[in-house]
């Protein structure tokens, strides 16, 4: 047995009794080696118990959902003018300035916005 193995055994707590450490060509070559293992009594050490690390709370917000507003009913130009508080005279001037579009005059009688402002003829 060589010295490294004996040192490892001693560091592991074994008592090593070596009889006749010899190498090749020495008079003690081939001599048996006796290894005695002895268990050391338990030492009185105090165990230190560490408190567990504080738990961390991770708040994950739910994904943002996009909700669309209900579809707003499209207002005609006449309905929008009435809803914004404009008079019939203003609506008539706006109709003339827009080039007298037929979409403002449903019955084609020359008076726009009659469905919103009432019949003006």
PDB file of N, CA and C in Angstrom:
ATOM      1  N   UNK A   1       0.860  -1.164   0.000  1.00  0.00           N
ATOM      2  CA  UNK A   1       0.000   0.000   0.000  1.00  0.00           C
ATOM      3  C   UNK A   1       0.903   1.222   0.000  1.00  0.00           C
ATOM      4  N   UNK A   2       0.527   2.176  -0.772  1.00  0.00           N
ATOM      5  CA  UNK A   2       1.396   3.338  -0.794  1.00  0.00           C
ATOM      6  C   UNK A   2       0.913   4.403   0.164  1.00  0.00           C
ATOM      7  N   UNK A   3       1.696   5.429   0.279  1.00  0.00           N
ATOM      8  CA  UNK A   3       1.427   6.453   1.287  1.00  0.00           C
ATOM      9  C   UNK A   3       0.159   7.253   0.967  1.00  0.00           C
ATOM     10  N   UNK A   4      -0.173   7.411  -0.290  1.00  0.00           N
ATOM     11  CA  UNK A   4      -1.371   8.186  -0.657  1.00  0.00           C
ATOM     12  C   UNK A   4      -2.621   7.470  -0.184  1.00  0.00           C
ATOM     13  N   UNK A   5      -2.678   6.188  -0.395  1.00  0.00           N
ATOM     14  CA  UNK A   5      -3.853   5.417   0.047  1.00  0.00           C
ATOM     15  C   UNK A   5      -3.934   5.443   1.563  1.00  0.00           C
ATOM     16  N   UNK A   6      -2.810   5.318   2.244  1.00  0.00           N
ATOM     17  CA  UNK A   6      -2.809   5.360   3.707  1.00  0.00           C
ATOM     18  C   UNK A   6      -3.273   6.719   4.195  1.00  0.00           C
ATOM     19  N   UNK A   7      -2.859   7.798   3.538  1.00  0.00           N
ATOM     20  CA  UNK A   7      -3.286   9.132   3.938  1.00  0.00           C
ATOM     21  C   UNK A   7      -4.776   9.301   3.723  1.00  0.00           C
ATOM     22  N   UNK A   8      -5.304   8.746   2.645  1.00  0.00           N
ATOM     23  CA  UNK A   8      -6.748   8.836   2.397  1.00  0.00           C
ATOM     24  C   UNK A   8      -7.538   8.071   3.448  1.00  0.00           C
ATOM     25  N   UNK A   9      -7.040   6.936   3.827  1.00  0.00           N
ATOM     26  CA  UNK A   9      -7.729   6.161   4.845  1.00  0.00           C
ATOM     27  C   UNK A   9      -7.705   6.881   6.181  1.00  0.00           C
ATOM     28  N   UNK A  10      -6.597   7.516   6.524  1.00  0.00           N
ATOM     29  CA  UNK A  10      -6.502   8.238   7.784  1.00  0.00           C
ATOM     30  C   UNK A  10      -7.435   9.448   7.756  1.00  0.00           C
ATOM     31  N   UNK A  11      -7.488  10.148   6.622  1.00  0.00           N
ATOM     32  CA  UNK A  11      -8.373  11.307   6.547  1.00  0.00           C
ATOM     33  C   UNK A  11      -9.831  10.897   6.599  1.00  0.00           C
ATOM     34  N   UNK A  12     -10.141   9.667   6.231  1.00  0.00           N
ATOM     35  CA  UNK A  12     -11.512   9.184   6.289  1.00  0.00           C
ATOM     36  C   UNK A  12     -11.879   8.703   7.674  1.00  0.00           C
ATOM     37  N   UNK A  13     -10.953   8.721   8.587  1.00  0.00           N
ATOM     38  CA  UNK A  13     -11.274   8.332   9.956  1.00  0.00           C
ATOM     39  C   UNK A  13     -10.849   6.929  10.304  1.00  0.00           C
ATOM     40  N   UNK A  14     -10.120   6.281   9.457  1.00  0.00           N
ATOM     41  CA  UNK A  14      -9.680   4.920   9.754  1.00  0.00           C
ATOM     42  C   UNK A  14      -8.292   4.978  10.395  1.00  0.00           C
ATOM     43  N   UNK A  15      -8.076   4.072  11.307  1.00  0.00           N
ATOM     44  CA  UNK A  15      -6.751   3.955  11.910  1.00  0.00           C
ATOM     45  C   UNK A  15      -6.001   2.919  11.102  1.00  0.00           C
ATOM     46  N   UNK A  16      -4.873   3.327  10.605  1.00  0.00           N
ATOM     47  CA  UNK A  16      -4.118   2.444   9.728  1.00  0.00           C
ATOM     48  C   UNK A  16      -2.878   1.969  10.467  1.00  0.00           C
ATOM     49  N   UNK A  17      -2.746   0.705  10.527  1.00  0.00           N
ATOM     50  CA  UNK A  17      -1.533   0.112  11.100  1.00  0.00           C
ATOM     51  C   UNK A  17      -0.814  -0.559   9.946  1.00  0.00           C
ATOM     52  N   UNK A  18       0.303  -0.025   9.622  1.00  0.00           N
ATOM     53  CA  UNK A  18       1.020  -0.521   8.468  1.00  0.00           C
ATOM     54  C   UNK A  18       2.228  -1.311   8.959  1.00  0.00           C
ATOM     55  N   UNK A  19       2.283  -2.515   8.498  1.00  0.00           N
ATOM     56  CA  UNK A  19       3.407  -3.362   8.852  1.00  0.00           C
ATOM     57  C   UNK A  19       4.184  -3.621   7.575  1.00  0.00           C
ATOM     58  N   UNK A  20       5.393  -3.247   7.576  1.00  0.00           N
ATOM     59  CA  UNK A  20       6.282  -3.574   6.476  1.00  0.00           C
ATOM     60  C   UNK A  20       5.923  -2.923   5.179  1.00  0.00           C
ATOM     61  N   UNK A  21       6.068  -1.621   5.098  1.00  0.00           N
ATOM     62  CA  UNK A  21       5.876  -0.955   3.830  1.00  0.00           C
ATOM     63  C   UNK A  21       7.151  -1.144   3.032  1.00  0.00           C
ATOM     64  N   UNK A  22       7.072  -1.876   2.035  1.00  0.00           N
ATOM     65  CA  UNK A  22       8.261  -2.088   1.233  1.00  0.00           C
ATOM     66  C   UNK A  22       7.915  -2.006  -0.221  1.00  0.00           C
ATOM     67  N   UNK A  23       8.905  -1.731  -1.022  1.00  0.00           N
ATOM     68  CA  UNK A  23       8.686  -1.627  -2.430  1.00  0.00           C
ATOM     69  C   UNK A  23       9.352  -2.801  -3.119  1.00  0.00           C
ATOM     70  N   UNK A  24       9.444  -2.758  -4.374  1.00  0.00           N
ATOM     71  CA  UNK A  24      10.057  -3.839  -5.129  1.00  0.00           C
ATOM     72  C   UNK A  24      11.543  -3.923  -4.779  1.00  0.00           C
ATOM     73  N   UNK A  25      12.027  -5.073  -4.534  1.00  0.00           N
ATOM     74  CA  UNK A  25      13.432  -5.278  -4.265  1.00  0.00           C
ATOM     75  C   UNK A  25      13.847  -4.985  -2.845  1.00  0.00           C
ATOM     76  N   UNK A  26      12.898  -4.702  -1.973  1.00  0.00           N
ATOM     77  CA  UNK A  26      13.260  -4.456  -0.575  1.00  0.00           C
ATOM     78  C   UNK A  26      13.035  -5.735   0.198  1.00  0.00           C
ATOM     79  N   UNK A  27      13.703  -5.851   1.345  1.00  0.00           N
ATOM     80  CA  UNK A  27      13.550  -7.090   2.108  1.00  0.00           C
ATOM     81  C   UNK A  27      12.141  -7.303   2.625  1.00  0.00           C
ATOM     82  N   UNK A  28      11.315  -6.235   2.691  1.00  0.00           N
ATOM     83  CA  UNK A  28       9.960  -6.409   3.221  1.00  0.00           C
ATOM     84  C   UNK A  28       8.944  -6.549   2.112  1.00  0.00           C
ATOM     85  N   UNK A  29       9.380  -6.689   0.883  1.00  0.00           N
ATOM     86  CA  UNK A  29       8.447  -6.817  -0.230  1.00  0.00           C
ATOM     87  C   UNK A  29       7.649  -8.088  -0.078  1.00  0.00           C
ATOM     88  N   UNK A  30       6.342  -7.969  -0.305  1.00  0.00           N
ATOM     89  CA  UNK A  30       5.456  -9.111  -0.211  1.00  0.00           C
ATOM     90  C   UNK A  30       4.947  -9.354   1.185  1.00  0.00           C
ATOM     91  N   UNK A  31       5.351  -8.533   2.145  1.00  0.00           N
ATOM     92  CA  UNK A  31       4.883  -8.689   3.513  1.00  0.00           C
ATOM     93  C   UNK A  31       3.442  -8.200   3.578  1.00  0.00           C
ATOM     94  N   UNK A  32       2.570  -8.923   4.244  1.00  0.00           N
ATOM     95  CA  UNK A  32       1.170  -8.506   4.312  1.00  0.00           C
ATOM     96  C   UNK A  32       1.016  -7.193   5.077  1.00  0.00           C
ATOM     97  N   UNK A  33       0.030  -6.425   4.679  1.00  0.00           N
ATOM     98  CA  UNK A  33      -0.272  -5.159   5.329  1.00  0.00           C
ATOM     99  C   UNK A  33      -1.573  -5.341   6.078  1.00  0.00           C
ATOM    100  N   UNK A  34      -1.594  -4.850   7.302  1.00  0.00           N
ATOM    101  CA  UNK A  34      -2.785  -4.956   8.127  1.00  0.00           C
ATOM    102  C   UNK A  34      -3.421  -3.578   8.213  1.00  0.00           C
ATOM    103  N   UNK A  35      -4.698  -3.482   7.830  1.00  0.00           N
ATOM    104  CA  UNK A  35      -5.439  -2.228   7.925  1.00  0.00           C
ATOM    105  C   UNK A  35      -6.536  -2.426   8.941  1.00  0.00           C
ATOM    106  N   UNK A  36      -6.528  -1.602   9.985  1.00  0.00           N
ATOM    107  CA  UNK A  36      -7.535  -1.694  11.033  1.00  0.00           C
ATOM    108  C   UNK A  36      -8.395  -0.440  10.927  1.00  0.00           C
ATOM    109  N   UNK A  37      -9.657  -0.643  10.821  1.00  0.00           N
ATOM    110  CA  UNK A  37     -10.582   0.478  10.706  1.00  0.00           C
ATOM    111  C   UNK A  37     -11.300   0.634  12.032  1.00  0.00           C
ATOM    112  N   UNK A  38     -11.272   1.847  12.524  1.00  0.00           N
ATOM    113  CA  UNK A  38     -11.891   2.111  13.813  1.00  0.00           C
ATOM    114  C   UNK A  38     -12.874   3.264  13.623  1.00  0.00           C
ATOM    115  N   UNK A  39     -14.039   3.093  14.160  1.00  0.00           N
ATOM    116  CA  UNK A  39     -15.058   4.132  14.022  1.00  0.00           C
ATOM    117  C   UNK A  39     -14.933   5.049  15.221  1.00  0.00           C
ATOM    118  N   UNK A  40     -14.774   6.329  14.951  1.00  0.00           N
ATOM    119  CA  UNK A  40     -14.628   7.308  16.018  1.00  0.00           C
ATOM    120  C   UNK A  40     -15.993   7.588  16.627  1.00  0.00           C
ATOM    121  N   UNK A  41     -16.020   7.856  17.943  1.00  0.00           N
ATOM    122  CA  UNK A  41     -17.314   8.164  18.573  1.00  0.00           C
ATOM    123  C   UNK A  41     -17.850   9.483  18.013  1.00  0.00           C
ATOM    124  N   UNK A  42     -19.174   9.597  17.989  1.00  0.00           N
ATOM    125  CA  UNK A  42     -19.753  10.828  17.435  1.00  0.00           C
ATOM    126  C   UNK A  42     -19.367  12.028  18.288  1.00  0.00           C
ATOM    127  N   UNK A  43     -19.055  13.089  17.629  1.00  0.00           N
ATOM    128  CA  UNK A  43     -18.696  14.302  18.355  1.00  0.00           C
ATOM    129  C   UNK A  43     -19.961  15.062  18.713  1.00  0.00           C
ATOM    130  N   UNK A  44     -19.849  15.845  19.708  1.00  0.00           N
ATOM    131  CA  UNK A  44     -21.007  16.624  20.145  1.00  0.00           C
ATOM    132  C   UNK A  44     -20.942  17.986  19.466  1.00  0.00           C
ATOM    133  N   UNK A  45     -21.500  18.047  18.295  1.00  0.00           N
ATOM    134  CA  UNK A  45     -21.549  19.320  17.573  1.00  0.00           C
ATOM    135  C   UNK A  45     -22.986  19.805  17.531  1.00  0.00           C
ATOM    136  N   UNK A  46     -23.137  21.086  17.483  1.00  0.00           N
ATOM    137  CA  UNK A  46     -24.465  21.680  17.420  1.00  0.00           C
ATOM    138  C   UNK A  46     -24.793  21.964  15.964  1.00  0.00           C
ATOM    139  N   UNK A  47     -25.925  21.469  15.554  1.00  0.00           N
ATOM    140  CA  UNK A  47     -26.349  21.699  14.175  1.00  0.00           C
ATOM    141  C   UNK A  47     -26.995  23.071  14.074  1.00  0.00           C
ATOM    142  N   UNK A  48     -26.629  23.799  13.072  1.00  0.00           N
ATOM    143  CA  UNK A  48     -27.205  25.115  12.843  1.00  0.00           C
ATOM    144  C   UNK A  48     -28.273  24.965  11.772  1.00  0.00           C
ATOM    145  N   UNK A  49     -29.481  25.337  12.133  1.00  0.00           N
ATOM    146  CA  UNK A  49     -30.592  25.246  11.192  1.00  0.00           C
ATOM    147  C   UNK A  49     -30.880  26.660  10.684  1.00  0.00           C
ATOM    148  N   UNK A  50     -30.763  26.809   9.398  1.00  0.00           N
ATOM    149  CA  UNK A  50     -31.020  28.107   8.798  1.00  0.00           C
ATOM    150  C   UNK A  50     -32.491  28.224   8.449  1.00  0.00           C
ATOM    151  N   UNK A  51     -33.007  29.418   8.623  1.00  0.00           N
ATOM    152  CA  UNK A  51     -34.403  29.661   8.259  1.00  0.00           C
ATOM    153  C   UNK A  51     -34.527  29.602   6.738  1.00  0.00           C
ATOM    154  N   UNK A  52     -35.643  29.104   6.255  1.00  0.00           N
ATOM    155  CA  UNK A  52     -35.808  29.058   4.798  1.00  0.00           C
ATOM    156  C   UNK A  52     -35.821  30.475   4.240  1.00  0.00           C
ATOM    157  N   UNK A  53     -35.384  30.616   3.012  1.00  0.00           N
ATOM    158  CA  UNK A  53     -35.385  31.957   2.426  1.00  0.00           C
ATOM    159  C   UNK A  53     -36.807  32.486   2.327  1.00  0.00           C
ATOM    160  N   UNK A  54     -36.953  33.797   2.428  1.00  0.00           N
ATOM    161  CA  UNK A  54     -38.311  34.340   2.348  1.00  0.00           C
ATOM    162  C   UNK A  54     -38.923  34.047   0.989  1.00  0.00           C
ATOM    163  N   UNK A  55     -40.190  33.738   1.040  1.00  0.00           N
ATOM    164  CA  UNK A  55     -40.868  33.427  -0.213  1.00  0.00           C
ATOM    165  C   UNK A  55     -41.180  34.733  -0.927  1.00  0.00           C
ATOM    166  N   UNK A  56     -41.032  34.707  -2.202  1.00  0.00           N
ATOM    167  CA  UNK A  56     -41.346  35.896  -2.975  1.00  0.00           C
ATOM    168  C   UNK A  56     -42.636  35.640  -3.740  1.00  0.00           C
ATOM    169  N   UNK A  57     -43.408  36.662  -3.848  1.00  0.00           N
ATOM    170  CA  UNK A  57     -44.687  36.561  -4.530  1.00  0.00           C
ATOM    171  C   UNK A  57     -44.541  37.230  -5.890  1.00  0.00           C
ATOM    172  N   UNK A  58     -44.864  36.504  -6.916  1.00  0.00           N
ATOM    173  CA  UNK A  58     -44.817  37.047  -8.267  1.00  0.00           C
ATOM    174  C   UNK A  58     -46.247  37.211  -8.741  1.00  0.00           C
ATOM    175  N   UNK A  59     -46.599  38.431  -9.080  1.00  0.00           N
ATOM    176  CA  UNK A  59     -47.948  38.715  -9.553  1.00  0.00           C
ATOM    177  C   UNK A  59     -47.897  38.808 -11.072  1.00  0.00           C
ATOM    178  N   UNK A  60     -48.643  37.956 -11.701  1.00  0.00           N
ATOM    179  CA  UNK A  60     -48.713  37.962 -13.161  1.00  0.00           C
ATOM    180  C   UNK A  60     -50.088  38.474 -13.542  1.00  0.00           C
ATOM    181  N   UNK A  61     -50.068  39.593 -14.245  1.00  0.00           N
ATOM    182  CA  UNK A  61     -51.337  40.166 -14.656  1.00  0.00           C
ATOM    183  C   UNK A  61     -51.868  39.418 -15.869  1.00  0.00           C
ATOM    184  N   UNK A  62     -53.169  39.220 -15.924  1.00  0.00           N
ATOM    185  CA  UNK A  62     -53.724  38.540 -17.102  1.00  0.00           C
ATOM    186  C   UNK A  62     -53.512  39.393 -18.342  1.00  0.00           C
ATOM    187  N   UNK A  63     -53.451  38.757 -19.481  1.00  0.00           N
ATOM    188  CA  UNK A  63     -53.241  39.539 -20.707  1.00  0.00           C
ATOM    189  C   UNK A  63     -54.396  40.508 -20.935  1.00  0.00           C
ATOM    190  N   UNK A  64     -54.048  41.655 -21.476  1.00  0.00           N
ATOM    191  CA  UNK A  64     -55.060  42.664 -21.714  1.00  0.00           C
ATOM    192  C   UNK A  64     -55.950  42.233 -22.875  1.00  0.00           C
ATOM    193  N   UNK A  65     -57.225  42.273 -22.614  1.00  0.00           N
ATOM    194  CA  UNK A  65     -58.168  41.935 -23.672  1.00  0.00           C
ATOM    195  C   UNK A  65     -58.715  43.226 -24.253  1.00  0.00           C
ATOM    196  N   UNK A  66     -58.824  43.249 -25.521  1.00  0.00           N
ATOM    197  CA  UNK A  66     -59.327  44.432 -26.202  1.00  0.00           C
ATOM    198  C   UNK A  66     -60.793  44.197 -26.530  1.00  0.00           C
ATOM    199  N   UNK A  67     -61.603  45.037 -25.970  1.00  0.00           N
ATOM    200  CA  UNK A  67     -63.026  44.946 -26.274  1.00  0.00           C
ATOM    201  C   UNK A  67     -63.388  46.172 -27.103  1.00  0.00           C
ATOM    202  N   UNK A  68     -64.056  45.923 -28.134  1.00  0.00           N
ATOM    203  CA  UNK A  68     -64.454  47.016 -29.010  1.00  0.00           C
ATOM    204  C   UNK A  68     -65.773  47.594 -28.526  1.00  0.00           C
ATOM    205  N   UNK A  69     -65.864  48.874 -28.668  1.00  0.00           N
ATOM    206  CA  UNK A  69     -67.109  49.534 -28.311  1.00  0.00           C
ATOM    207  C   UNK A  69     -68.185  49.066 -29.289  1.00  0.00           C
ATOM    208  N   UNK A  70     -69.405  49.053 -28.833  1.00  0.00           N
ATOM    209  CA  UNK A  70     -70.457  48.636 -29.755  1.00  0.00           C
ATOM    210  C   UNK A  70     -70.449  49.541 -30.988  1.00  0.00           C
ATOM    211  N   UNK A  71     -70.777  48.940 -32.084  1.00  0.00           N
ATOM    212  CA  UNK A  71     -70.753  49.678 -33.344  1.00  0.00           C
ATOM    213  C   UNK A  71     -71.698  50.869 -33.258  1.00  0.00           C
ATOM    214  N   UNK A  72     -71.129  52.025 -33.498  1.00  0.00           N
ATOM    215  CA  UNK A  72     -71.942  53.239 -33.482  1.00  0.00           C
ATOM    216  C   UNK A  72     -72.667  53.323 -34.813  1.00  0.00           C
ATOM    217  N   UNK A  73     -73.947  53.563 -34.711  1.00  0.00           N
ATOM    218  CA  UNK A  73     -74.729  53.674 -35.935  1.00  0.00           C
ATOM    219  C   UNK A  73     -74.233  54.900 -36.681  1.00  0.00           C
ATOM    220  N   UNK A  74     -73.931  54.704 -37.930  1.00  0.00           N
ATOM    221  CA  UNK A  74     -73.446  55.830 -38.728  1.00  0.00           C
ATOM    222  C   UNK A  74     -74.591  56.808 -38.960  1.00  0.00           C
ATOM    223  N   UNK A  75     -74.275  58.039 -38.692  1.00  0.00           N
ATOM    224  CA  UNK A  75     -75.267  59.089 -38.894  1.00  0.00           C
ATOM    225  C   UNK A  75     -75.080  59.702 -40.275  1.00  0.00           C
ATOM    226  N   UNK A  76     -76.185  60.072 -40.870  1.00  0.00           N
ATOM    227  CA  UNK A  76     -76.088  60.811 -42.135  1.00  0.00           C
ATOM    228  C   UNK A  76     -75.639  62.227 -41.804  1.00  0.00           C
ATOM    229  N   UNK A  77     -75.275  62.968 -42.820  1.00  0.00           N
ATOM    230  CA  UNK A  77     -74.835  64.357 -42.609  1.00  0.00           C
ATOM    231  C   UNK A  77     -75.940  65.177 -41.959  1.00  0.00           C
ATOM    232  N   UNK A  78     -77.166  64.958 -42.377  1.00  0.00           N
ATOM    233  CA  UNK A  78     -78.290  65.707 -41.807  1.00  0.00           C
ATOM    234  C   UNK A  78     -78.511  65.341 -40.342  1.00  0.00           C
ATOM    235  N   UNK A  79     -78.424  64.041 -40.025  1.00  0.00           N
ATOM    236  CA  UNK A  79     -78.611  63.613 -38.640  1.00  0.00           C
ATOM    237  C   UNK A  79     -77.504  64.162 -37.747  1.00  0.00           C
ATOM    238  N   UNK A  80     -76.276  64.222 -38.282  1.00  0.00           N
ATOM    239  CA  UNK A  80     -75.157  64.739 -37.510  1.00  0.00           C
ATOM    240  C   UNK A  80     -75.344  66.238 -37.252  1.00  0.00           C
ATOM    241  N   UNK A  81     -75.769  66.982 -38.287  1.00  0.00           N
ATOM    242  CA  UNK A  81     -75.994  68.420 -38.108  1.00  0.00           C
ATOM    243  C   UNK A  81     -77.086  68.681 -37.070  1.00  0.00           C
ATOM    244  N   UNK A  82     -78.162  67.902 -37.101  1.00  0.00           N
ATOM    245  CA  UNK A  82     -79.238  68.056 -36.127  1.00  0.00           C
ATOM    246  C   UNK A  82     -78.746  67.692 -34.720  1.00  0.00           C
ATOM    247  N   UNK A  83     -77.979  66.604 -34.618  1.00  0.00           N
ATOM    248  CA  UNK A  83     -77.485  66.165 -33.314  1.00  0.00           C
ATOM    249  C   UNK A  83     -76.520  67.181 -32.707  1.00  0.00           C
ATOM    250  N   UNK A  84     -75.805  67.911 -33.548  1.00  0.00           N
ATOM    251  CA  UNK A  84     -74.861  68.911 -33.050  1.00  0.00           C
ATOM    252  C   UNK A  84     -75.525  70.265 -32.802  1.00  0.00           C
ATOM    253  N   UNK A  85     -76.833  70.345 -33.075  1.00  0.00           N
ATOM    254  CA  UNK A  85     -77.579  71.548 -32.724  1.00  0.00           C
ATOM    255  C   UNK A  85     -77.653  72.624 -33.795  1.00  0.00           C
ATOM    256  N   UNK A  86     -77.316  72.300 -35.024  1.00  0.00           N
ATOM    257  CA  UNK A  86     -77.373  73.302 -36.092  1.00  0.00           C
ATOM    258  C   UNK A  86     -78.810  73.465 -36.574  1.00  0.00           C
ATOM    259  N   UNK A  87     -79.122  74.671 -37.037  1.00  0.00           N
ATOM    260  CA  UNK A  87     -80.471  74.976 -37.511  1.00  0.00           C
ATOM    261  C   UNK A  87     -80.662  74.444 -38.934  1.00  0.00           C
ATOM    262  N   UNK A  88     -81.947  74.475 -39.390  1.00  0.00           N
ATOM    263  CA  UNK A  88     -82.228  74.033 -40.754  1.00  0.00           C
ATOM    264  C   UNK A  88     -81.566  74.965 -41.764  1.00  0.00           C
ATOM    265  N   UNK A  89     -81.522  76.262 -41.467  1.00  0.00           N
ATOM    266  CA  UNK A  89     -80.893  77.212 -42.380  1.00  0.00           C
ATOM    267  C   UNK A  89     -79.405  76.892 -42.557  1.00  0.00           C
ATOM    268  N   UNK A  90     -78.749  76.540 -41.475  1.00  0.00           N
ATOM    269  CA  UNK A  90     -77.340  76.171 -41.568  1.00  0.00           C
ATOM    270  C   UNK A  90     -77.192  74.887 -42.386  1.00  0.00           C
ATOM    271  N   UNK A  91     -78.067  73.899 -42.147  1.00  0.00           N
ATOM    272  CA  UNK A  91     -78.005  72.640 -42.886  1.00  0.00           C
ATOM    273  C   UNK A  91     -78.260  72.885 -44.373  1.00  0.00           C
ATOM    274  N   UNK A  92     -79.192  73.791 -44.684  1.00  0.00           N
ATOM    275  CA  UNK A  92     -79.480  74.104 -46.097  1.00  0.00           C
ATOM    276  C   UNK A  92     -78.249  74.733 -46.750  1.00  0.00           C
ATOM    277  N   UNK A  93     -77.596  75.682 -46.051  1.00  0.00           N
ATOM    278  CA  UNK A  93     -76.383  76.320 -46.583  1.00  0.00           C
ATOM    279  C   UNK A  93     -75.261  75.301 -46.763  1.00  0.00           C
ATOM    280  N   UNK A  94     -75.130  74.393 -45.815  1.00  0.00           N
ATOM    281  CA  UNK A  94     -74.103  73.350 -45.920  1.00  0.00           C
ATOM    282  C   UNK A  94     -74.393  72.449 -47.116  1.00  0.00           C
ATOM    283  N   UNK A  95     -75.677  72.165 -47.358  1.00  0.00           N
ATOM    284  CA  UNK A  95     -76.065  71.323 -48.511  1.00  0.00           C
ATOM    285  C   UNK A  95     -75.713  72.013 -49.822  1.00  0.00           C
ATOM    286  N   UNK A  96     -75.983  73.315 -49.917  1.00  0.00           N
ATOM    287  CA  UNK A  96     -75.672  74.077 -51.118  1.00  0.00           C
ATOM    288  C   UNK A  96     -74.153  74.128 -51.305  1.00  0.00           C
ATOM    289  N   UNK A  97     -73.402  74.408 -50.225  1.00  0.00           N
ATOM    290  CA  UNK A  97     -71.939  74.491 -50.309  1.00  0.00           C
ATOM    291  C   UNK A  97     -71.311  73.143 -50.661  1.00  0.00           C
ATOM    292  N   UNK A  98     -71.972  72.042 -50.306  1.00  0.00           N
ATOM    293  CA  UNK A  98     -71.457  70.695 -50.625  1.00  0.00           C
ATOM    294  C   UNK A  98     -71.778  70.301 -52.059  1.00  0.00           C
ATOM    295  N   UNK A  99     -72.488  71.146 -52.798  1.00  0.00           N
ATOM    296  CA  UNK A  99     -72.801  70.828 -54.189  1.00  0.00           C
ATOM    297  C   UNK A  99     -74.141  70.146 -54.352  1.00  0.00           C
ATOM    298  N   UNK A 100     -75.043  70.327 -53.417  1.00  0.00           N
ATOM    299  CA  UNK A 100     -76.392  69.754 -53.430  1.00  0.00           C
ATOM    300  C   UNK A 100     -76.390  68.236 -53.669  1.00  0.00           C
ATOM    301  N   UNK A 101     -75.715  67.517 -52.789  1.00  0.00           N
ATOM    302  CA  UNK A 101     -75.668  66.056 -52.980  1.00  0.00           C
ATOM    303  C   UNK A 101     -77.059  65.448 -52.824  1.00  0.00           C
ATOM    304  N   UNK A 102     -77.346  64.463 -53.681  1.00  0.00           N
ATOM    305  CA  UNK A 102     -78.661  63.821 -53.659  1.00  0.00           C
ATOM    306  C   UNK A 102     -78.876  63.010 -52.381  1.00  0.00           C
ATOM    307  N   UNK A 103     -77.805  62.622 -51.719  1.00  0.00           N
ATOM    308  CA  UNK A 103     -77.970  61.821 -50.506  1.00  0.00           C
ATOM    309  C   UNK A 103     -78.588  62.639 -49.369  1.00  0.00           C
ATOM    310  N   UNK A 104     -78.565  63.976 -49.453  1.00  0.00           N
ATOM    311  CA  UNK A 104     -79.164  64.815 -48.418  1.00  0.00           C
ATOM    312  C   UNK A 104     -80.647  65.059 -48.693  1.00  0.00           C
ATOM    313  N   UNK A 105     -81.065  64.874 -49.915  1.00  0.00           N
ATOM    314  CA  UNK A 105     -82.444  65.164 -50.308  1.00  0.00           C
ATOM    315  C   UNK A 105     -83.093  63.854 -50.747  1.00  0.00           C
ATOM    316  N   UNK A 106     -83.744  63.169 -49.831  1.00  0.00           N
ATOM    317  CA  UNK A 106     -84.267  61.828 -50.091  1.00  0.00           C
ATOM    318  C   UNK A 106     -85.363  61.828 -51.157  1.00  0.00           C
ATOM    319  N   UNK A 107     -86.276  62.813 -51.122  1.00  0.00           N
ATOM    320  CA  UNK A 107     -87.390  62.805 -52.084  1.00  0.00           C
ATOM    321  C   UNK A 107     -87.107  63.675 -53.309  1.00  0.00           C
ATOM    322  N   UNK A 108     -85.954  64.209 -53.422  1.00  0.00           N
ATOM    323  CA  UNK A 108     -85.476  64.973 -54.588  1.00  0.00           C
ATOM    324  C   UNK A 108     -86.370  66.195 -54.896  1.00  0.00           C
ATOM    325  N   UNK A 109     -86.847  66.847 -53.854  1.00  0.00           N
ATOM    326  CA  UNK A 109     -87.720  68.007 -54.079  1.00  0.00           C
ATOM    327  C   UNK A 109     -86.981  69.336 -53.873  1.00  0.00           C
ATOM    328  N   UNK A 110     -85.669  69.297 -53.619  1.00  0.00           N
ATOM    329  CA  UNK A 110     -84.906  70.528 -53.461  1.00  0.00           C
ATOM    330  C   UNK A 110     -84.785  71.018 -52.032  1.00  0.00           C
ATOM    331  N   UNK A 111     -85.305  70.257 -51.103  1.00  0.00           N
ATOM    332  CA  UNK A 111     -85.188  70.614 -49.688  1.00  0.00           C
ATOM    333  C   UNK A 111     -84.433  69.474 -48.983  1.00  0.00           C
ATOM    334  N   UNK A 112     -83.230  69.769 -48.494  1.00  0.00           N
ATOM    335  CA  UNK A 112     -82.448  68.715 -47.855  1.00  0.00           C
ATOM    336  C   UNK A 112     -82.891  68.474 -46.415  1.00  0.00           C
ATOM    337  N   UNK A 113     -82.490  67.375 -45.912  1.00  0.00           N
ATOM    338  CA  UNK A 113     -82.632  67.011 -44.484  1.00  0.00           C
ATOM    339  C   UNK A 113     -84.076  67.026 -43.989  1.00  0.00           C
ATOM    340  N   UNK A 114     -85.028  66.686 -44.850  1.00  0.00           N
ATOM    341  CA  UNK A 114     -86.424  66.690 -44.425  1.00  0.00           C
ATOM    342  C   UNK A 114     -86.722  65.562 -43.443  1.00  0.00           C
ATOM    343  N   UNK A 115     -85.974  64.484 -43.520  1.00  0.00           N
ATOM    344  CA  UNK A 115     -86.209  63.391 -42.578  1.00  0.00           C
ATOM    345  C   UNK A 115     -85.715  63.762 -41.183  1.00  0.00           C
ATOM    346  N   UNK A 116     -84.721  64.635 -41.102  1.00  0.00           N
ATOM    347  CA  UNK A 116     -84.204  65.047 -39.807  1.00  0.00           C
ATOM    348  C   UNK A 116     -84.926  66.274 -39.271  1.00  0.00           C
ATOM    349  N   UNK A 117     -85.077  67.302 -40.101  1.00  0.00           N
ATOM    350  CA  UNK A 117     -85.656  68.566 -39.670  1.00  0.00           C
ATOM    351  C   UNK A 117     -87.162  68.685 -39.923  1.00  0.00           C
ATOM    352  N   UNK A 118     -87.703  67.729 -40.651  1.00  0.00           N
ATOM    353  CA  UNK A 118     -89.117  67.804 -40.998  1.00  0.00           C
ATOM    354  C   UNK A 118     -89.306  68.385 -42.395  1.00  0.00           C
ATOM    355  N   UNK A 119     -90.532  68.268 -42.906  1.00  0.00           N
ATOM    356  CA  UNK A 119     -90.848  68.724 -44.260  1.00  0.00           C
ATOM    357  C   UNK A 119     -90.865  70.254 -44.297  1.00  0.00           C
ATOM    358  N   UNK A 120     -90.060  70.852 -45.206  1.00  0.00           N
ATOM    359  CA  UNK A 120     -89.936  72.294 -45.275  1.00  0.00           C
ATOM    360  C   UNK A 120     -90.595  72.882 -46.514  1.00  0.00           C
ATOM    361  N   UNK A 121     -91.320  72.148 -47.305  1.00  0.00           N
ATOM    362  CA  UNK A 121     -91.925  72.725 -48.504  1.00  0.00           C
ATOM    363  C   UNK A 121     -93.424  72.853 -48.367  1.00  0.00           C
TER     364      UNK A 121
END
